[in-house]
Structures are given as C-alpha cells and as structure tokens.
C-alpha cells in the first residue's frame, strides 16, 4: 500500500466516523483531506455513480487550488458516501481487513 493510499484510508475512516452525527451537518475538510476525498472518488469512478461524479466535481477544483471544503451532509447521501469510502478501504487496506477478521474469530 502506498503512502497516498494510507492517507486516503485515514481520511475515509475519519469521514465514516463523522457520519453518525445528526443530519444535516457540515463536514469540514482541510486541503489535504479534500484532496484525499477527490483521489478516493476518482479511484471509485468505476461504480458509475452520480454521487461519485458529484464528489469529483465538487472536490477537483479545491484540490487544484489547495483549499478545503465544507460539505453539507444530508441524510439521503450518507449511504452512497459510506459505500464509496468503505469500498475504497476494502480495495486498498487488505491488512486492516485481515486484522479485523482475526479479531472476529
């Protein structure tokens, strides 16, 4: 796993941890976290999801400009956001998956 993938996984886990908050809420991401979310969405583009395309659209210019973003998290897009992040983690964090399975057994 690359250092970029490790950073992206950390950001994905952070965002997932925030999703329990009462909706709607503002998800505040700094420039690095915004760039990581963009990279995650680009990597998950194969899902052919309007939501993934929306994430790419709203984060791309922020990544280029090196700025953060505030995303208003509404109840209706928690599931697609969680799905995109969880699938990214599953794809790139095989050690974490194996470790989690070991804790279950």
C-alpha atoms as a PDB file:
ATOM      1  CA  UNK A   1       0.000   0.000   0.000  1.00  0.00           C
ATOM      2  CA  UNK A   2       1.349   3.425  -0.933  1.00  0.00           C
ATOM      3  CA  UNK A   3       1.654   6.378   1.412  1.00  0.00           C
ATOM      4  CA  UNK A   4      -1.089   8.170  -0.553  1.00  0.00           C
ATOM      5  CA  UNK A   5      -3.418   5.191  -0.134  1.00  0.00           C
ATOM      6  CA  UNK A   6      -2.658   5.151   3.608  1.00  0.00           C
ATOM      7  CA  UNK A   7      -3.553   8.839   3.827  1.00  0.00           C
ATOM      8  CA  UNK A   8      -6.725   8.291   1.802  1.00  0.00           C
ATOM      9  CA  UNK A   9      -7.749   5.408   4.069  1.00  0.00           C
ATOM     10  CA  UNK A  10      -7.191   7.572   7.151  1.00  0.00           C
ATOM     11  CA  UNK A  11      -9.390  10.303   5.641  1.00  0.00           C
ATOM     12  CA  UNK A  12     -12.043   7.748   4.638  1.00  0.00           C
ATOM     13  CA  UNK A  13     -12.100   6.378   8.186  1.00  0.00           C
ATOM     14  CA  UNK A  14     -12.351   9.909   9.582  1.00  0.00           C
ATOM     15  CA  UNK A  15     -15.327  10.733   7.344  1.00  0.00           C
ATOM     16  CA  UNK A  16     -17.042   7.445   8.154  1.00  0.00           C
ATOM     17  CA  UNK A  17     -16.610   8.267  11.830  1.00  0.00           C
ATOM     18  CA  UNK A  18     -18.393  11.583  11.292  1.00  0.00           C
ATOM     19  CA  UNK A  19     -21.426  10.027   9.567  1.00  0.00           C
ATOM     20  CA  UNK A  20     -23.100   9.133  12.880  1.00  0.00           C
ATOM     21  CA  UNK A  21     -23.814  12.818  13.584  1.00  0.00           C
ATOM     22  CA  UNK A  22     -27.349  14.137  13.454  1.00  0.00           C
ATOM     23  CA  UNK A  23     -28.217  15.190   9.914  1.00  0.00           C
ATOM     24  CA  UNK A  24     -27.797  17.596   8.357  1.00  0.00           C
ATOM     25  CA  UNK A  25     -24.326  18.656   9.464  1.00  0.00           C
ATOM     26  CA  UNK A  26     -21.310  20.344   7.933  1.00  0.00           C
ATOM     27  CA  UNK A  27     -18.357  18.097   7.144  1.00  0.00           C
ATOM     28  CA  UNK A  28     -15.332  20.389   7.258  1.00  0.00           C
ATOM     29  CA  UNK A  29     -12.278  19.101   5.401  1.00  0.00           C
ATOM     30  CA  UNK A  30      -8.904  20.806   5.130  1.00  0.00           C
ATOM     31  CA  UNK A  31      -6.949  20.933   1.869  1.00  0.00           C
ATOM     32  CA  UNK A  32      -5.254  17.562   2.405  1.00  0.00           C
ATOM     33  CA  UNK A  33      -8.488  15.814   3.344  1.00  0.00           C
ATOM     34  CA  UNK A  34     -10.254  17.370   0.359  1.00  0.00           C
ATOM     35  CA  UNK A  35      -7.509  16.116  -1.956  1.00  0.00           C
ATOM     36  CA  UNK A  36      -7.777  12.652  -0.439  1.00  0.00           C
ATOM     37  CA  UNK A  37     -11.563  12.607  -0.919  1.00  0.00           C
ATOM     38  CA  UNK A  38     -11.033  13.598  -4.566  1.00  0.00           C
ATOM     39  CA  UNK A  39      -8.489  10.783  -5.059  1.00  0.00           C
ATOM     40  CA  UNK A  40     -10.870   8.280  -3.420  1.00  0.00           C
ATOM     41  CA  UNK A  41     -13.724   9.336  -5.708  1.00  0.00           C
ATOM     42  CA  UNK A  42     -11.536   9.125  -8.824  1.00  0.00           C
ATOM     43  CA  UNK A  43     -10.440   5.625  -7.795  1.00  0.00           C
ATOM     44  CA  UNK A  44     -14.085   4.613  -7.264  1.00  0.00           C
ATOM     45  CA  UNK A  45     -15.277   6.093 -10.572  1.00  0.00           C
ATOM     46  CA  UNK A  46     -15.873   2.552 -11.869  1.00  0.00           C
ATOM     47  CA  UNK A  47     -19.002   2.457  -9.665  1.00  0.00           C
ATOM     48  CA  UNK A  48     -20.724   4.596 -12.340  1.00  0.00           C
ATOM     49  CA  UNK A  49     -22.477   6.549  -9.638  1.00  0.00           C
ATOM     50  CA  UNK A  50     -23.894  10.051  -9.977  1.00  0.00           C
ATOM     51  CA  UNK A  51     -22.828  10.582  -6.370  1.00  0.00           C
ATOM     52  CA  UNK A  52     -19.196   9.674  -7.081  1.00  0.00           C
ATOM     53  CA  UNK A  53     -19.218  12.029 -10.073  1.00  0.00           C
ATOM     54  CA  UNK A  54     -20.653  14.778  -7.841  1.00  0.00           C
ATOM     55  CA  UNK A  55     -17.843  14.270  -5.300  1.00  0.00           C
ATOM     56  CA  UNK A  56     -15.266  14.510  -8.094  1.00  0.00           C
ATOM     57  CA  UNK A  57     -16.903  17.683  -9.386  1.00  0.00           C
ATOM     58  CA  UNK A  58     -17.028  19.484  -6.020  1.00  0.00           C
ATOM     59  CA  UNK A  59     -13.536  18.463  -4.870  1.00  0.00           C
ATOM     60  CA  UNK A  60     -11.477  18.707  -8.073  1.00  0.00           C
ATOM     61  CA  UNK A  61     -11.054  22.491  -8.157  1.00  0.00           C
ATOM     62  CA  UNK A  62     -10.444  22.569  -4.393  1.00  0.00           C
ATOM     63  CA  UNK A  63      -7.662  20.005  -4.804  1.00  0.00           C
ATOM     64  CA  UNK A  64      -6.083  22.016  -7.611  1.00  0.00           C
ATOM     65  CA  UNK A  65      -6.371  25.253  -5.585  1.00  0.00           C
ATOM     66  CA  UNK A  66      -5.111  23.577  -2.411  1.00  0.00           C
ATOM     67  CA  UNK A  67      -8.136  24.610  -0.364  1.00  0.00           C
ATOM     68  CA  UNK A  68     -10.501  22.779   1.945  1.00  0.00           C
ATOM     69  CA  UNK A  69     -14.227  22.303   1.579  1.00  0.00           C
ATOM     70  CA  UNK A  70     -17.375  22.267   3.670  1.00  0.00           C
ATOM     71  CA  UNK A  71     -19.893  19.644   2.570  1.00  0.00           C
ATOM     72  CA  UNK A  72     -23.428  19.780   3.955  1.00  0.00           C
ATOM     73  CA  UNK A  73     -24.122  16.133   4.779  1.00  0.00           C
ATOM     74  CA  UNK A  74     -27.774  15.325   4.209  1.00  0.00           C
ATOM     75  CA  UNK A  75     -29.422  12.096   5.307  1.00  0.00           C
ATOM     76  CA  UNK A  76     -30.085  10.968   1.719  1.00  0.00           C
ATOM     77  CA  UNK A  77     -26.445  10.750   0.715  1.00  0.00           C
ATOM     78  CA  UNK A  78     -24.936   9.136   3.798  1.00  0.00           C
ATOM     79  CA  UNK A  79     -25.354   5.673   2.251  1.00  0.00           C
ATOM     80  CA  UNK A  80     -23.619   6.437  -1.090  1.00  0.00           C
ATOM     81  CA  UNK A  81     -20.836   8.304   0.730  1.00  0.00           C
ATOM     82  CA  UNK A  82     -20.321   5.421   3.151  1.00  0.00           C
ATOM     83  CA  UNK A  83     -20.385   2.904   0.278  1.00  0.00           C
ATOM     84  CA  UNK A  84     -17.756   4.786  -1.720  1.00  0.00           C
ATOM     85  CA  UNK A  85     -15.448   5.142   1.292  1.00  0.00           C
ATOM     86  CA  UNK A  86     -15.912   1.560   2.525  1.00  0.00           C
ATOM     87  CA  UNK A  87     -15.250   0.116  -0.931  1.00  0.00           C
ATOM     88  CA  UNK A  88     -12.069   2.180  -1.205  1.00  0.00           C
ATOM     89  CA  UNK A  89     -10.878   0.943   2.188  1.00  0.00           C
ATOM     90  CA  UNK A  90     -11.730  -2.638   1.274  1.00  0.00           C
ATOM     91  CA  UNK A  91      -9.820  -2.347  -2.006  1.00  0.00           C
ATOM     92  CA  UNK A  92      -6.631  -0.888  -0.532  1.00  0.00           C
ATOM     93  CA  UNK A  93      -6.421  -1.948   3.123  1.00  0.00           C
ATOM     94  CA  UNK A  94      -6.074  -5.702   2.977  1.00  0.00           C
ATOM     95  CA  UNK A  95      -4.073  -5.708   6.231  1.00  0.00           C
ATOM     96  CA  UNK A  96      -6.914  -3.931   8.043  1.00  0.00           C
ATOM     97  CA  UNK A  97      -9.450  -6.389   6.644  1.00  0.00           C
ATOM     98  CA  UNK A  98      -7.346  -9.361   7.680  1.00  0.00           C
ATOM     99  CA  UNK A  99      -6.746  -7.841  11.127  1.00  0.00           C
ATOM    100  CA  UNK A 100     -10.490  -7.222  11.575  1.00  0.00           C
ATOM    101  CA  UNK A 101     -11.292 -10.789  10.558  1.00  0.00           C
ATOM    102  CA  UNK A 102      -8.722 -12.073  13.056  1.00  0.00           C
ATOM    103  CA  UNK A 103     -10.394 -10.102  15.840  1.00  0.00           C
ATOM    104  CA  UNK A 104     -13.740 -11.682  14.972  1.00  0.00           C
ATOM    105  CA  UNK A 105     -12.519 -15.276  15.006  1.00  0.00           C
END
